[in-house]
Each structure stands twice: as C-alpha cells, then as structure tokens.
Amino acid sequence: MTFKSTLAGTVITLVALASSALGCGGGDDCTLAAAHLVDCLNPTGSPTSSAPSATTKCDGATACIADCVNRAECPALQDAYNDGTSAAAKEFLTCTNACQEP
C-alpha cells in the first residue's frame, strides 16, 4: 500500500469522524484534523462524499495521525498528498508513518 492510499484512507476516516460529530459539539483532535484536511485538500468547499461512521473512534493510530495533520500547514499537506518532496511534506509523512508502526 502506498502512502498516498494510506493518507486517502486516513482523510476519509477523519472526515467521517468529523461528520458524525456534527451537532455533538465536536472539538476533539480528529474532528479538528478532518476540518483542517477538508480546508487544505478541498479548497473549493465541495461537500465530501464520505458517509459518517458511528464506530470510528479518535484513538490509537487515528488520533496519532490527527495530531500530525493538526500540526501540519496546508502547503505541507497538499505537497504530501501530491507526492511532493518538500521538507515540510517529508516531516508530515515521517510523523504519519510513525503512527502506523506497531
């Protein structure tokens, strides 16, 4: 599995988590990360096609990746998603890859 597919899966998970938190106050790291990703990777503001998941929890690797997303600026996220090689994208990728390790 490539990082891009892993990142895409994480994006979907975080956006689904944020969608399921709407109306519930939200505010956890995963909800904030999902909003940050949508703002950075979906600048047109188009609605996402992800369905909310009531079973997704903000813990473990998901919470770790959310922390990486929240610390990254939009250019780093955009570059990482587009197979970029900037120092900021590499730092983000290193952070998320560390979340996947056992």
C-alpha atoms as a PDB file:
ATOM      1  CA  MET A   1       0.000   0.000   0.000  1.00  0.00           C
ATOM      2  CA  THR A   2       1.380   3.408  -0.921  1.00  0.00           C
ATOM      3  CA  PHE A   3       1.435   6.351   1.417  1.00  0.00           C
ATOM      4  CA  LYS A   4      -0.993   8.207  -0.845  1.00  0.00           C
ATOM      5  CA  SER A   5      -3.603   5.466  -0.428  1.00  0.00           C
ATOM      6  CA  THR A   6      -2.927   5.388   3.318  1.00  0.00           C
ATOM      7  CA  LEU A   7      -3.344   9.157   3.500  1.00  0.00           C
ATOM      8  CA  ALA A   8      -6.532   8.964   1.448  1.00  0.00           C
ATOM      9  CA  GLY A   9      -7.923   6.335   3.825  1.00  0.00           C
ATOM     10  CA  THR A  10      -6.996   8.490   6.785  1.00  0.00           C
ATOM     11  CA  VAL A  11      -8.631  11.524   5.195  1.00  0.00           C
ATOM     12  CA  ILE A  12     -11.844   9.551   4.709  1.00  0.00           C
ATOM     13  CA  THR A  13     -11.748   8.259   8.283  1.00  0.00           C
ATOM     14  CA  LEU A  14     -11.145  11.710   9.764  1.00  0.00           C
ATOM     15  CA  VAL A  15     -13.802  13.369   7.597  1.00  0.00           C
ATOM     16  CA  ALA A  16     -16.299  10.634   8.506  1.00  0.00           C
ATOM     17  CA  LEU A  17     -15.460  11.124  12.165  1.00  0.00           C
ATOM     18  CA  ALA A  18     -15.986  14.863  11.851  1.00  0.00           C
ATOM     19  CA  SER A  19     -19.279  14.343  10.033  1.00  0.00           C
ATOM     20  CA  SER A  20     -20.541  12.045  12.758  1.00  0.00           C
ATOM     21  CA  ALA A  21     -19.577  14.628  15.384  1.00  0.00           C
ATOM     22  CA  LEU A  22     -21.603  17.425  13.799  1.00  0.00           C
ATOM     23  CA  GLY A  23     -24.200  18.629  16.237  1.00  0.00           C
ATOM     24  CA  CYS A  24     -22.369  16.950  19.119  1.00  0.00           C
ATOM     25  CA  GLY A  25     -20.004  19.779  19.943  1.00  0.00           C
ATOM     26  CA  GLY A  26     -17.022  18.128  18.211  1.00  0.00           C
ATOM     27  CA  GLY A  27     -13.702  19.700  19.054  1.00  0.00           C
ATOM     28  CA  ASP A  28     -11.580  16.586  19.533  1.00  0.00           C
ATOM     29  CA  ASP A  29      -8.274  16.253  17.670  1.00  0.00           C
ATOM     30  CA  CYS A  30      -9.756  14.041  14.950  1.00  0.00           C
ATOM     31  CA  THR A  31     -12.612  16.430  14.259  1.00  0.00           C
ATOM     32  CA  LEU A  32     -10.194  19.340  14.079  1.00  0.00           C
ATOM     33  CA  ALA A  33      -7.869  17.353  11.789  1.00  0.00           C
ATOM     34  CA  ALA A  34     -10.746  16.449   9.487  1.00  0.00           C
ATOM     35  CA  ALA A  35     -11.764  20.089   9.187  1.00  0.00           C
ATOM     36  CA  HIS A  36      -8.131  21.076   8.545  1.00  0.00           C
ATOM     37  CA  LEU A  37      -7.783  18.431   5.832  1.00  0.00           C
ATOM     38  CA  VAL A  38     -11.013  19.493   4.150  1.00  0.00           C
ATOM     39  CA  ASP A  39      -9.888  23.124   4.214  1.00  0.00           C
ATOM     40  CA  CYS A  40      -6.455  22.254   2.806  1.00  0.00           C
ATOM     41  CA  LEU A  41      -7.262  19.489   0.320  1.00  0.00           C
ATOM     42  CA  ASN A  42     -10.712  20.635  -0.779  1.00  0.00           C
ATOM     43  CA  PRO A  43     -10.289  24.387  -1.301  1.00  0.00           C
ATOM     44  CA  THR A  44     -13.432  24.618  -3.444  1.00  0.00           C
ATOM     45  CA  GLY A  45     -15.572  23.745  -0.432  1.00  0.00           C
ATOM     46  CA  SER A  46     -17.339  20.953  -2.302  1.00  0.00           C
ATOM     47  CA  PRO A  47     -19.159  18.561   0.005  1.00  0.00           C
ATOM     48  CA  THR A  48     -17.322  15.351   0.789  1.00  0.00           C
ATOM     49  CA  SER A  49     -18.765  12.033  -0.297  1.00  0.00           C
ATOM     50  CA  SER A  50     -17.784  10.205   2.892  1.00  0.00           C
ATOM     51  CA  ALA A  51     -20.549   8.722   4.963  1.00  0.00           C
ATOM     52  CA  PRO A  52     -20.324   9.234   8.697  1.00  0.00           C
ATOM     53  CA  SER A  53     -19.199   6.287  10.759  1.00  0.00           C
ATOM     54  CA  ALA A  54     -20.601   5.898  14.234  1.00  0.00           C
ATOM     55  CA  THR A  55     -17.999   3.228  15.034  1.00  0.00           C
ATOM     56  CA  THR A  56     -14.903   5.338  14.293  1.00  0.00           C
ATOM     57  CA  LYS A  57     -13.111   6.435  17.453  1.00  0.00           C
ATOM     58  CA  CYS A  58     -10.413   9.044  17.865  1.00  0.00           C
ATOM     59  CA  ASP A  59      -7.764   6.889  19.480  1.00  0.00           C
ATOM     60  CA  GLY A  60      -4.660   4.898  18.633  1.00  0.00           C
ATOM     61  CA  ALA A  61      -3.209   5.424  15.164  1.00  0.00           C
ATOM     62  CA  THR A  62      -6.147   7.620  14.125  1.00  0.00           C
ATOM     63  CA  ALA A  63      -5.501  10.045  16.997  1.00  0.00           C
ATOM     64  CA  CYS A  64      -1.774   9.974  16.251  1.00  0.00           C
ATOM     65  CA  ILE A  65      -2.350  10.833  12.589  1.00  0.00           C
ATOM     66  CA  ALA A  66      -4.834  13.529  13.591  1.00  0.00           C
ATOM     67  CA  ASP A  67      -2.089  15.112  15.687  1.00  0.00           C
ATOM     68  CA  CYS A  68       0.254  15.050  12.672  1.00  0.00           C
ATOM     69  CA  VAL A  69      -2.422  16.669  10.496  1.00  0.00           C
ATOM     70  CA  ASN A  70      -3.190  19.338  13.083  1.00  0.00           C
ATOM     71  CA  ARG A  71       0.499  20.298  13.318  1.00  0.00           C
ATOM     72  CA  ALA A  72       0.959  20.490   9.518  1.00  0.00           C
ATOM     73  CA  GLU A  73       0.282  23.586   7.468  1.00  0.00           C
ATOM     74  CA  CYS A  74      -1.797  23.367   4.275  1.00  0.00           C
ATOM     75  CA  PRO A  75       1.142  23.540   1.833  1.00  0.00           C
ATOM     76  CA  ALA A  76       2.762  20.541   3.573  1.00  0.00           C
ATOM     77  CA  LEU A  77      -0.477  18.516   3.419  1.00  0.00           C
ATOM     78  CA  GLN A  78      -1.061  19.438  -0.220  1.00  0.00           C
ATOM     79  CA  ASP A  79       2.516  18.591  -1.153  1.00  0.00           C
ATOM     80  CA  ALA A  80       2.412  15.288   0.749  1.00  0.00           C
ATOM     81  CA  TYR A  81      -0.848  14.272  -0.926  1.00  0.00           C
ATOM     82  CA  ASN A  82       0.594  15.139  -4.338  1.00  0.00           C
ATOM     83  CA  ASP A  83       3.751  13.047  -3.816  1.00  0.00           C
ATOM     84  CA  GLY A  84       5.801  16.152  -3.061  1.00  0.00           C
ATOM     85  CA  THR A  85       9.270  16.190  -1.621  1.00  0.00           C
ATOM     86  CA  SER A  86       9.376  19.418   0.369  1.00  0.00           C
ATOM     87  CA  ALA A  87      10.913  19.280   3.832  1.00  0.00           C
ATOM     88  CA  ALA A  88       7.520  20.050   5.390  1.00  0.00           C
ATOM     89  CA  ALA A  89       5.827  17.235   3.436  1.00  0.00           C
ATOM     90  CA  LYS A  90       8.571  14.807   4.449  1.00  0.00           C
ATOM     91  CA  GLU A  91       8.172  15.817   8.093  1.00  0.00           C
ATOM     92  CA  PHE A  92       4.416  15.197   7.861  1.00  0.00           C
ATOM     93  CA  LEU A  93       4.953  11.822   6.151  1.00  0.00           C
ATOM     94  CA  THR A  94       7.500  10.787   8.777  1.00  0.00           C
ATOM     95  CA  CYS A  95       5.029  11.711  11.508  1.00  0.00           C
ATOM     96  CA  THR A  96       2.149   9.732   9.972  1.00  0.00           C
ATOM     97  CA  ASN A  97       4.344   6.749   9.147  1.00  0.00           C
ATOM     98  CA  ALA A  98       5.462   6.597  12.791  1.00  0.00           C
ATOM     99  CA  CYS A  99       1.770   6.340  13.754  1.00  0.00           C
ATOM    100  CA  GLN A 100       1.429   3.162  11.681  1.00  0.00           C
ATOM    101  CA  GLU A 101       4.317   1.341  13.342  1.00  0.00           C
ATOM    102  CA  PRO A 102       3.449  -1.300  15.938  1.00  0.00           C
END
